[in-house]
Amino acid sequence: MLEALNDAILSQQAKVVIQQEYAACDAQTGQAQVNCFIRAGERVQQQLEEEYRSRRFWIAELQRLWGRVQQIS
């Protein structure tokens, strides 16, 4: 995920938000962690949709990141 995030051309604000969403899940274990990743994935999808709307197109890196987020959530 971090590789895809670093590869993507996103606003710095979007990158920070996405990193924070998933970092919060690292401290949890078991089903709580799974649920955290699912909820984080939903919020990240919203962030990526905002990036898409601001650009009005998907770039290849953003598509890869979107795909990885879809796999997690």
Protein backbone atom coordinates (compact mmCIF):
# COMPACT_ATOMS: atom_id res chain seq x y z
CA MET A 1 0.00 0.00 0.00
CA LEU A 2 2.76 2.44 0.88
CA GLU A 3 4.44 1.76 -2.45
CA ALA A 4 1.23 2.55 -4.30
CA LEU A 5 0.70 5.65 -2.19
CA ASN A 6 4.22 6.90 -2.86
CA ASP A 7 3.79 6.10 -6.56
CA ALA A 8 0.54 8.03 -6.86
CA ILE A 9 0.48 11.69 -7.76
CA LEU A 10 -1.82 12.98 -5.05
CA SER A 11 -1.98 16.18 -3.14
CA GLN A 12 0.17 16.07 -0.03
CA GLN A 13 -2.96 16.55 2.05
CA ALA A 14 -4.56 13.45 0.50
CA LYS A 15 -1.43 11.39 1.16
CA VAL A 16 -1.33 12.44 4.80
CA VAL A 17 -5.00 11.63 5.31
CA ILE A 18 -4.62 8.20 3.70
CA GLN A 19 -1.51 7.37 5.72
CA GLN A 20 -3.22 8.41 8.94
CA GLU A 21 -6.30 6.32 8.17
CA TYR A 22 -4.28 3.11 7.89
CA ALA A 23 -1.74 3.95 10.59
CA ALA A 24 -4.54 4.08 13.14
CA CYS A 25 -5.30 0.42 12.36
CA ASP A 26 -1.78 -0.81 13.13
CA ALA A 27 -2.31 -0.57 16.88
CA GLN A 28 -5.32 -2.88 16.76
CA THR A 29 -5.45 -6.65 16.52
CA GLY A 30 -7.79 -9.36 15.36
CA GLN A 31 -11.26 -8.53 14.11
CA ALA A 32 -10.96 -4.96 15.40
CA GLN A 33 -8.03 -4.43 13.04
CA VAL A 34 -9.91 -5.97 10.12
CA ASN A 35 -12.90 -3.72 10.81
CA CYS A 36 -10.58 -0.72 11.10
CA PHE A 37 -9.03 -1.47 7.70
CA ILE A 38 -12.47 -1.78 6.13
CA ARG A 39 -13.63 1.55 7.58
CA ALA A 40 -10.32 3.20 6.62
CA GLY A 41 -10.70 1.84 3.09
CA GLU A 42 -14.12 3.42 2.80
CA ARG A 43 -12.77 6.79 3.94
CA VAL A 44 -9.78 6.49 1.60
CA GLN A 45 -12.09 5.75 -1.31
CA GLN A 46 -13.89 9.00 -0.55
CA GLN A 47 -10.57 10.84 -0.51
CA LEU A 48 -9.57 9.32 -3.85
CA GLU A 49 -12.92 10.23 -5.34
CA GLU A 50 -12.32 13.84 -4.26
CA GLU A 51 -8.90 13.74 -5.94
CA TYR A 52 -10.54 12.38 -9.09
CA ARG A 53 -13.17 15.13 -9.08
CA SER A 54 -10.49 17.79 -8.65
CA ARG A 55 -8.47 16.40 -11.59
CA ARG A 56 -11.45 15.25 -13.70
CA PHE A 57 -9.56 12.13 -14.82
CA TRP A 58 -7.83 9.03 -13.44
CA ILE A 59 -4.09 8.82 -13.85
CA ALA A 60 -2.46 5.38 -13.94
CA GLU A 61 -0.93 5.70 -10.47
CA LEU A 62 -4.27 6.71 -8.99
CA GLN A 63 -5.92 3.73 -10.66
CA ARG A 64 -3.37 1.37 -9.07
CA LEU A 65 -3.91 2.91 -5.65
CA TRP A 66 -7.69 2.67 -6.12
CA GLY A 67 -7.30 -1.02 -6.97
CA ARG A 68 -5.29 -1.71 -3.83
CA VAL A 69 -7.78 0.12 -1.66
CA GLN A 70 -10.56 -1.96 -3.23
CA GLN A 71 -8.66 -5.14 -2.32
CA ILE A 72 -8.37 -4.08 1.30
CA SER A 73 -11.94 -2.98 1.72
